[in-house]
Amino acid sequence: MWNKDKSLILSRILTLAAAMAAVIIAFFIPAIAEWYEFEMSVEANSIFDRSSMFVPMCITLYICDVLALAALWNLHVLLRNISRDQVFIQKNTNCLRRISWICMGVGAAMMIFGLWSSIFVFFGMCGLMFGLIMRVLKNVFEKAVEIKSENDFTI
C-alpha cells in the first residue's frame, strides 16, 4: 500500500538519481554542445553567429548544471527535514527561497543563451516561471512557519 513515507522515500531516491545524472551530464557537456551546434546549424532565429555558439553553450550548460546541483542539494535538505517531521521551520523556508533564486538564475542563463539559439528563450521563460512559482510557495510556507510559531507560544 502506498503511503506518505514511501512517497517521501521515492522523492529522496529521485533527488539522488537526478544529482547523479547532473554529475554525469557535466562530463558530456562539450559533446552535447558540439552536437547541438552541428545539428541546429540551419536555424535562422538568432542574434549572434551560430558558428560561434560552442563556447557560450558550454558555459551556459555548466552554469545550469552547477545551479541544478545546488537546487537538488536544497531539495535534499528539505526532504530530510520533512522525514524528521520538521516541516514548518525556517530552514525549510530558506531552502525554498534558495531554490526559487536558483531557478531564476537558470532562467536568466537560458535567456542569455537565447541570443545564439532562440529556442532557449522559451526554456529561460520556463525557468523564470518556475522560480516565480517556487517564490509563491516559499511565501506560503513562510506564513505557515509564522502561524505555527504563534501557535506554539499560545497556551
N, C-alpha and C. Protein backbone atom coordinates (compact mmCIF):
# COMPACT_ATOMS: atom_id res chain seq x y z
N MET A 1 0.84 -1.19 0.00
CA MET A 1 0.00 0.00 0.00
C MET A 1 0.88 1.25 0.00
N TRP A 2 0.51 2.20 -0.85
CA TRP A 2 1.28 3.44 -0.98
C TRP A 2 0.91 4.39 0.14
N ASN A 3 1.91 4.97 0.80
CA ASN A 3 1.64 5.93 1.87
C ASN A 3 2.63 7.08 1.78
N LYS A 4 2.53 8.02 2.72
CA LYS A 4 3.36 9.22 2.67
C LYS A 4 4.83 8.90 2.91
N ASP A 5 5.13 7.89 3.70
CA ASP A 5 6.53 7.53 3.95
C ASP A 5 7.19 6.98 2.69
N LYS A 6 6.47 6.13 1.97
CA LYS A 6 7.00 5.60 0.71
C LYS A 6 7.17 6.71 -0.33
N SER A 7 6.25 7.64 -0.34
CA SER A 7 6.33 8.76 -1.26
C SER A 7 7.56 9.62 -0.95
N LEU A 8 7.82 9.84 0.32
CA LEU A 8 8.99 10.62 0.74
C LEU A 8 10.28 9.90 0.36
N ILE A 9 10.31 8.58 0.56
CA ILE A 9 11.49 7.79 0.18
C ILE A 9 11.72 7.86 -1.33
N LEU A 10 10.63 7.74 -2.09
CA LEU A 10 10.75 7.84 -3.54
C LEU A 10 11.28 9.22 -3.95
N SER A 11 10.80 10.27 -3.32
CA SER A 11 11.27 11.62 -3.62
C SER A 11 12.76 11.76 -3.33
N ARG A 12 13.21 11.19 -2.23
CA ARG A 12 14.64 11.27 -1.89
C ARG A 12 15.48 10.46 -2.86
N ILE A 13 14.99 9.31 -3.30
CA ILE A 13 15.71 8.49 -4.28
C ILE A 13 15.79 9.22 -5.62
N LEU A 14 14.68 9.82 -6.05
CA LEU A 14 14.68 10.55 -7.31
C LEU A 14 15.57 11.78 -7.26
N THR A 15 15.64 12.43 -6.11
CA THR A 15 16.55 13.57 -5.95
C THR A 15 17.99 13.12 -6.08
N LEU A 16 18.33 12.01 -5.46
CA LEU A 16 19.68 11.46 -5.57
C LEU A 16 19.99 11.05 -7.01
N ALA A 17 19.04 10.41 -7.69
CA ALA A 17 19.24 10.00 -9.08
C ALA A 17 19.43 11.22 -9.98
N ALA A 18 18.68 12.28 -9.75
CA ALA A 18 18.83 13.50 -10.55
C ALA A 18 20.20 14.13 -10.31
N ALA A 19 20.68 14.09 -9.08
CA ALA A 19 22.01 14.63 -8.79
C ALA A 19 23.09 13.82 -9.49
N MET A 20 22.95 12.51 -9.47
CA MET A 20 23.93 11.67 -10.17
C MET A 20 23.88 11.93 -11.67
N ALA A 21 22.69 12.11 -12.22
CA ALA A 21 22.55 12.41 -13.65
C ALA A 21 23.20 13.76 -13.97
N ALA A 22 23.04 14.75 -13.11
CA ALA A 22 23.66 16.06 -13.34
C ALA A 22 25.18 15.96 -13.33
N VAL A 23 25.73 15.15 -12.44
CA VAL A 23 27.18 14.97 -12.40
C VAL A 23 27.66 14.27 -13.67
N ILE A 24 26.96 13.24 -14.09
CA ILE A 24 27.34 12.50 -15.30
C ILE A 24 27.23 13.40 -16.53
N ILE A 25 26.16 14.17 -16.62
CA ILE A 25 25.97 15.06 -17.77
C ILE A 25 27.08 16.09 -17.86
N ALA A 26 27.62 16.52 -16.73
CA ALA A 26 28.71 17.51 -16.75
C ALA A 26 29.88 17.04 -17.59
N PHE A 27 30.14 15.74 -17.62
CA PHE A 27 31.25 15.21 -18.41
C PHE A 27 30.97 15.24 -19.91
N PHE A 28 29.70 15.30 -20.28
CA PHE A 28 29.31 15.24 -21.69
C PHE A 28 28.88 16.59 -22.27
N ILE A 29 29.00 17.64 -21.50
CA ILE A 29 28.55 18.96 -21.98
C ILE A 29 29.26 19.39 -23.27
N PRO A 30 30.60 19.24 -23.40
CA PRO A 30 31.22 19.64 -24.68
C PRO A 30 30.67 18.84 -25.87
N ALA A 31 30.43 17.55 -25.68
CA ALA A 31 29.89 16.73 -26.77
C ALA A 31 28.46 17.16 -27.12
N ILE A 32 27.68 17.49 -26.09
CA ILE A 32 26.31 17.94 -26.32
C ILE A 32 26.32 19.26 -27.08
N ALA A 33 27.20 20.18 -26.68
CA ALA A 33 27.28 21.48 -27.35
C ALA A 33 27.73 21.33 -28.80
N GLU A 34 28.69 20.46 -29.02
CA GLU A 34 29.17 20.22 -30.38
C GLU A 34 28.07 19.61 -31.25
N TRP A 35 27.35 18.64 -30.71
CA TRP A 35 26.25 18.03 -31.45
C TRP A 35 25.17 19.05 -31.77
N TYR A 36 24.80 19.86 -30.78
CA TYR A 36 23.74 20.85 -31.00
C TYR A 36 24.16 21.88 -32.05
N GLU A 37 25.41 22.33 -31.97
CA GLU A 37 25.90 23.31 -32.95
C GLU A 37 25.85 22.73 -34.37
N PHE A 38 26.22 21.46 -34.51
CA PHE A 38 26.21 20.81 -35.82
C PHE A 38 24.79 20.56 -36.31
N GLU A 39 23.95 20.00 -35.46
CA GLU A 39 22.59 19.62 -35.87
C GLU A 39 21.69 20.82 -36.11
N MET A 40 21.87 21.87 -35.37
CA MET A 40 20.97 23.01 -35.45
C MET A 40 21.57 24.18 -36.22
N SER A 41 22.53 23.92 -37.07
CA SER A 41 23.22 25.00 -37.77
C SER A 41 22.34 25.69 -38.80
N VAL A 42 21.19 25.13 -39.14
CA VAL A 42 20.32 25.74 -40.14
C VAL A 42 19.30 26.71 -39.53
N GLU A 43 19.20 26.75 -38.21
CA GLU A 43 18.23 27.64 -37.58
C GLU A 43 18.61 29.09 -37.86
N ALA A 44 17.65 29.90 -38.27
CA ALA A 44 17.93 31.27 -38.66
C ALA A 44 17.61 32.28 -37.55
N ASN A 45 16.86 31.89 -36.53
CA ASN A 45 16.43 32.81 -35.49
C ASN A 45 17.48 32.96 -34.41
N SER A 46 18.49 33.79 -34.66
CA SER A 46 19.50 34.06 -33.65
C SER A 46 20.11 35.42 -33.92
N ILE A 47 20.58 36.06 -32.86
CA ILE A 47 21.21 37.37 -32.99
C ILE A 47 22.68 37.22 -33.34
N PHE A 48 23.35 36.29 -32.66
CA PHE A 48 24.78 36.08 -32.89
C PHE A 48 25.00 34.95 -33.89
N ASP A 49 26.19 34.87 -34.40
CA ASP A 49 26.56 33.86 -35.39
C ASP A 49 26.48 32.47 -34.77
N ARG A 50 25.78 31.58 -35.45
CA ARG A 50 25.57 30.22 -34.93
C ARG A 50 26.86 29.42 -34.90
N SER A 51 27.84 29.78 -35.73
CA SER A 51 29.08 29.01 -35.76
C SER A 51 29.94 29.27 -34.53
N SER A 52 29.61 30.30 -33.76
CA SER A 52 30.41 30.61 -32.57
C SER A 52 29.66 30.30 -31.28
N MET A 53 28.73 29.38 -31.32
CA MET A 53 27.91 29.12 -30.14
C MET A 53 28.45 28.02 -29.24
N PHE A 54 29.51 27.33 -29.63
CA PHE A 54 30.02 26.22 -28.83
C PHE A 54 30.42 26.67 -27.42
N VAL A 55 31.26 27.68 -27.32
CA VAL A 55 31.74 28.15 -26.01
C VAL A 55 30.59 28.72 -25.17
N PRO A 56 29.74 29.61 -25.72
CA PRO A 56 28.62 30.11 -24.90
C PRO A 56 27.68 28.99 -24.42
N MET A 57 27.47 27.99 -25.27
CA MET A 57 26.59 26.90 -24.86
C MET A 57 27.24 26.08 -23.74
N CYS A 58 28.52 25.81 -23.86
CA CYS A 58 29.22 25.07 -22.78
C CYS A 58 29.14 25.84 -21.48
N ILE A 59 29.40 27.14 -21.53
CA ILE A 59 29.35 27.96 -20.32
C ILE A 59 27.94 27.93 -19.73
N THR A 60 26.94 28.12 -20.57
CA THR A 60 25.55 28.11 -20.10
C THR A 60 25.19 26.77 -19.47
N LEU A 61 25.56 25.68 -20.12
CA LEU A 61 25.21 24.36 -19.59
C LEU A 61 25.96 24.05 -18.30
N TYR A 62 27.22 24.48 -18.20
CA TYR A 62 27.94 24.27 -16.93
C TYR A 62 27.32 25.08 -15.80
N ILE A 63 26.94 26.33 -16.09
CA ILE A 63 26.28 27.16 -15.08
C ILE A 63 24.97 26.49 -14.64
N CYS A 64 24.19 26.04 -15.60
CA CYS A 64 22.91 25.40 -15.27
C CYS A 64 23.11 24.09 -14.51
N ASP A 65 24.18 23.36 -14.84
CA ASP A 65 24.46 22.11 -14.15
C ASP A 65 24.82 22.36 -12.68
N VAL A 66 25.66 23.35 -12.45
CA VAL A 66 26.04 23.69 -11.07
C VAL A 66 24.81 24.17 -10.30
N LEU A 67 24.00 25.02 -10.93
CA LEU A 67 22.79 25.51 -10.27
C LEU A 67 21.81 24.37 -10.00
N ALA A 68 21.73 23.41 -10.91
CA ALA A 68 20.85 22.25 -10.70
C ALA A 68 21.32 21.45 -9.48
N LEU A 69 22.63 21.26 -9.36
CA LEU A 69 23.15 20.54 -8.20
C LEU A 69 22.86 21.29 -6.90
N ALA A 70 22.97 22.61 -6.94
CA ALA A 70 22.65 23.41 -5.75
C ALA A 70 21.17 23.28 -5.40
N ALA A 71 20.30 23.32 -6.40
CA ALA A 71 18.86 23.17 -6.15
C ALA A 71 18.56 21.78 -5.60
N LEU A 72 19.21 20.77 -6.15
CA LEU A 72 18.98 19.40 -5.67
C LEU A 72 19.48 19.23 -4.24
N TRP A 73 20.58 19.88 -3.89
CA TRP A 73 21.06 19.81 -2.51
C TRP A 73 20.03 20.43 -1.57
N ASN A 74 19.49 21.60 -1.94
CA ASN A 74 18.48 22.24 -1.11
C ASN A 74 17.23 21.39 -1.01
N LEU A 75 16.86 20.74 -2.10
CA LEU A 75 15.72 19.83 -2.07
C LEU A 75 16.00 18.64 -1.15
N HIS A 76 17.23 18.14 -1.18
CA HIS A 76 17.62 17.04 -0.29
C HIS A 76 17.48 17.46 1.18
N VAL A 77 17.96 18.67 1.50
CA VAL A 77 17.85 19.17 2.88
C VAL A 77 16.38 19.30 3.27
N LEU A 78 15.57 19.83 2.37
CA LEU A 78 14.14 19.99 2.63
C LEU A 78 13.48 18.64 2.89
N LEU A 79 13.75 17.66 2.04
CA LEU A 79 13.16 16.33 2.21
C LEU A 79 13.66 15.65 3.48
N ARG A 80 14.92 15.86 3.82
CA ARG A 80 15.46 15.28 5.05
C ARG A 80 14.74 15.86 6.27
N ASN A 81 14.52 17.18 6.26
CA ASN A 81 13.80 17.80 7.37
C ASN A 81 12.37 17.29 7.47
N ILE A 82 11.72 17.13 6.33
CA ILE A 82 10.35 16.62 6.33
C ILE A 82 10.31 15.19 6.86
N SER A 83 11.30 14.38 6.50
CA SER A 83 11.33 13.00 7.00
C SER A 83 11.54 12.95 8.51
N ARG A 84 12.12 14.00 9.07
CA ARG A 84 12.31 14.09 10.53
C ARG A 84 11.14 14.80 11.21
N ASP A 85 10.04 14.99 10.47
CA ASP A 85 8.85 15.68 10.96
C ASP A 85 9.13 17.12 11.38
N GLN A 86 10.09 17.75 10.72
CA GLN A 86 10.38 19.17 10.91
C GLN A 86 9.92 19.89 9.64
N VAL A 87 8.63 20.13 9.55
CA VAL A 87 8.07 20.66 8.31
C VAL A 87 8.06 22.18 8.31
N PHE A 88 7.37 22.79 9.23
CA PHE A 88 7.21 24.24 9.23
C PHE A 88 8.28 24.89 10.09
N ILE A 89 9.50 24.90 9.55
CA ILE A 89 10.63 25.53 10.22
C ILE A 89 11.29 26.51 9.25
N GLN A 90 12.03 27.45 9.80
CA GLN A 90 12.65 28.49 8.99
C GLN A 90 13.67 27.91 8.01
N LYS A 91 14.34 26.84 8.37
CA LYS A 91 15.33 26.23 7.49
C LYS A 91 14.69 25.77 6.18
N ASN A 92 13.50 25.22 6.25
CA ASN A 92 12.79 24.79 5.04
C ASN A 92 12.40 25.98 4.17
N THR A 93 11.99 27.06 4.80
CA THR A 93 11.67 28.28 4.06
C THR A 93 12.91 28.80 3.34
N ASN A 94 14.06 28.74 4.01
CA ASN A 94 15.31 29.17 3.38
C ASN A 94 15.66 28.29 2.18
N CYS A 95 15.42 26.99 2.31
CA CYS A 95 15.67 26.08 1.18
C CYS A 95 14.79 26.45 -0.01
N LEU A 96 13.52 26.71 0.23
CA LEU A 96 12.61 27.08 -0.85
C LEU A 96 13.02 28.42 -1.47
N ARG A 97 13.50 29.35 -0.64
CA ARG A 97 13.96 30.64 -1.15
C ARG A 97 15.16 30.44 -2.07
N ARG A 98 16.12 29.63 -1.64
CA ARG A 98 17.30 29.38 -2.48
C ARG A 98 16.92 28.67 -3.77
N ILE A 99 16.02 27.71 -3.69
CA ILE A 99 15.59 27.00 -4.90
C ILE A 99 14.93 27.98 -5.88
N SER A 100 14.13 28.91 -5.37
CA SER A 100 13.48 29.87 -6.27
C SER A 100 14.50 30.76 -6.96
N TRP A 101 15.51 31.23 -6.22
CA TRP A 101 16.55 32.06 -6.84
C TRP A 101 17.39 31.26 -7.82
N ILE A 102 17.63 30.01 -7.51
CA ILE A 102 18.40 29.15 -8.43
C ILE A 102 17.63 28.97 -9.73
N CYS A 103 16.32 28.72 -9.64
CA CYS A 103 15.50 28.57 -10.86
C CYS A 103 15.53 29.85 -11.69
N MET A 104 15.47 30.97 -11.03
CA MET A 104 15.53 32.24 -11.76
C MET A 104 16.91 32.44 -12.39
N GLY A 105 17.95 31.99 -11.71
CA GLY A 105 19.30 32.06 -12.29
C GLY A 105 19.43 31.20 -13.53
N VAL A 106 18.86 30.00 -13.48
CA VAL A 106 18.86 29.12 -14.66
C VAL A 106 18.08 29.78 -15.80
N GLY A 107 16.94 30.35 -15.46
CA GLY A 107 16.14 31.04 -16.47
C GLY A 107 16.90 32.19 -17.11
N ALA A 108 17.61 32.96 -16.30
CA ALA A 108 18.39 34.09 -16.84
C ALA A 108 19.51 33.59 -17.74
N ALA A 109 20.20 32.53 -17.33
CA ALA A 109 21.28 31.97 -18.15
C ALA A 109 20.73 31.48 -19.49
N MET A 110 19.60 30.81 -19.46
CA MET A 110 18.99 30.32 -20.69
C MET A 110 18.52 31.47 -21.59
N MET A 111 17.99 32.53 -20.98
CA MET A 111 17.56 33.68 -21.77
C MET A 111 18.75 34.32 -22.48
N ILE A 112 19.87 34.43 -21.79
CA ILE A 112 21.07 34.99 -22.42
C ILE A 112 21.54 34.09 -23.56
N PHE A 113 21.53 32.78 -23.35
CA PHE A 113 21.93 31.88 -24.43
C PHE A 113 20.94 31.91 -25.58
N GLY A 114 19.74 32.39 -25.33
CA GLY A 114 18.76 32.56 -26.38
C GLY A 114 19.21 33.51 -27.49
N LEU A 115 20.25 34.30 -27.21
CA LEU A 115 20.82 35.15 -28.25
C LEU A 115 21.47 34.32 -29.35
N TRP A 116 21.91 33.11 -29.04
CA TRP A 116 22.50 32.22 -30.03
C TRP A 116 21.49 31.25 -30.61
N SER A 117 20.55 30.83 -29.80
CA SER A 117 19.56 29.86 -30.25
C SER A 117 18.21 30.22 -29.62
N SER A 118 17.29 30.65 -30.44
CA SER A 118 16.05 31.23 -29.93
C SER A 118 15.19 30.28 -29.10
N ILE A 119 15.32 28.98 -29.28
CA ILE A 119 14.51 28.04 -28.51
C ILE A 119 14.83 28.14 -27.01
N PHE A 120 16.04 28.58 -26.68
CA PHE A 120 16.43 28.67 -25.28
C PHE A 120 15.74 29.84 -24.57
N VAL A 121 15.18 30.78 -25.31
CA VAL A 121 14.38 31.83 -24.70
C VAL A 121 13.15 31.20 -24.04
N PHE A 122 12.56 30.22 -24.72
CA PHE A 122 11.41 29.50 -24.15
C PHE A 122 11.81 28.78 -22.87
N PHE A 123 12.96 28.08 -22.90
CA PHE A 123 13.42 27.38 -21.70
C PHE A 123 13.73 28.37 -20.57
N GLY A 124 14.27 29.52 -20.94
CA GLY A 124 14.54 30.55 -19.95
C GLY A 124 13.26 31.07 -19.30
N MET A 125 12.24 31.26 -20.11
CA MET A 125 10.95 31.70 -19.57
C MET A 125 10.36 30.64 -18.63
N CYS A 126 10.54 29.37 -19.01
CA CYS A 126 10.05 28.29 -18.13
C CYS A 126 10.80 28.32 -16.79
N GLY A 127 12.11 28.52 -16.82
CA GLY A 127 12.89 28.60 -15.59
C GLY A 127 12.46 29.78 -14.73
N LEU A 128 12.25 30.93 -15.36
CA LEU A 128 11.80 32.11 -14.61
C LEU A 128 10.41 31.89 -14.01
N MET A 129 9.52 31.26 -14.77
CA MET A 129 8.17 30.99 -14.27
C MET A 129 8.22 30.00 -13.10
N PHE A 130 9.04 28.97 -13.22
CA PHE A 130 9.15 28.01 -12.13
C PHE A 130 9.73 28.68 -10.90
N GLY A 131 10.71 29.57 -11.10
CA GLY A 131 11.26 30.32 -9.98
C GLY A 131 10.21 31.17 -9.29
N LEU A 132 9.33 31.77 -10.09
CA LEU A 132 8.24 32.57 -9.53
C LEU A 132 7.27 31.70 -8.74
N ILE A 133 6.95 30.55 -9.26
CA ILE A 133 6.05 29.62 -8.55
C ILE A 133 6.69 29.18 -7.23
N MET A 134 7.98 28.88 -7.27
CA MET A 134 8.68 28.49 -6.04
C MET A 134 8.69 29.64 -5.04
N ARG A 135 8.78 30.86 -5.54
CA ARG A 135 8.76 32.04 -4.68
C ARG A 135 7.41 32.15 -3.95
N VAL A 136 6.33 31.90 -4.69
CA VAL A 136 4.99 31.95 -4.07
C VAL A 136 4.87 30.85 -3.02
N LEU A 137 5.34 29.64 -3.35
CA LEU A 137 5.31 28.55 -2.37
C LEU A 137 6.13 28.90 -1.13
N LYS A 138 7.27 29.55 -1.34
CA LYS A 138 8.10 29.97 -0.21
C LYS A 138 7.34 30.95 0.67
N ASN A 139 6.61 31.88 0.05
CA ASN A 139 5.84 32.86 0.83
C ASN A 139 4.73 32.19 1.63
N VAL A 140 4.07 31.21 1.03
CA VAL A 140 3.02 30.46 1.74
C VAL A 140 3.65 29.69 2.91
N PHE A 141 4.79 29.05 2.64
CA PHE A 141 5.48 28.29 3.68
C PHE A 141 5.93 29.21 4.80
N GLU A 142 6.43 30.39 4.44
CA GLU A 142 6.89 31.35 5.44
C GLU A 142 5.75 31.77 6.35
N LYS A 143 4.58 31.98 5.76
CA LYS A 143 3.40 32.35 6.56
C LYS A 143 3.00 31.20 7.48
N ALA A 144 3.09 29.96 6.99
CA ALA A 144 2.76 28.79 7.82
C ALA A 144 3.74 28.68 9.00
N VAL A 145 5.01 28.96 8.76
CA VAL A 145 6.01 28.93 9.84
C VAL A 145 5.66 29.99 10.88
N GLU A 146 5.25 31.17 10.41
CA GLU A 146 4.87 32.25 11.33
C GLU A 146 3.66 31.86 12.17
N ILE A 147 2.64 31.28 11.53
CA ILE A 147 1.43 30.86 12.25
C ILE A 147 1.77 29.76 13.25
N LYS A 148 2.60 28.80 12.84
CA LYS A 148 2.99 27.73 13.76
C LYS A 148 3.74 28.29 14.96
N SER A 149 4.62 29.25 14.70
CA SER A 149 5.38 29.86 15.79
C SER A 149 4.45 30.57 16.78
N GLU A 150 3.45 31.28 16.26
CA GLU A 150 2.48 31.94 17.14
C GLU A 150 1.66 30.93 17.93
N ASN A 151 1.29 29.83 17.28
CA ASN A 151 0.51 28.78 17.96
C ASN A 151 1.34 28.08 19.04
N ASP A 152 2.64 27.94 18.80
CA ASP A 152 3.49 27.28 19.80
C ASP A 152 3.59 28.12 21.08
N PHE A 153 3.49 29.44 20.96
CA PHE A 153 3.58 30.31 22.13
C PHE A 153 2.24 30.51 22.83
N THR A 154 1.16 30.08 22.19
CA THR A 154 -0.18 30.21 22.77
C THR A 154 -0.44 29.05 23.71
N ILE A 155 -0.98 29.33 24.85
CA ILE A 155 -1.25 28.28 25.82
C ILE A 155 -2.57 27.62 25.52
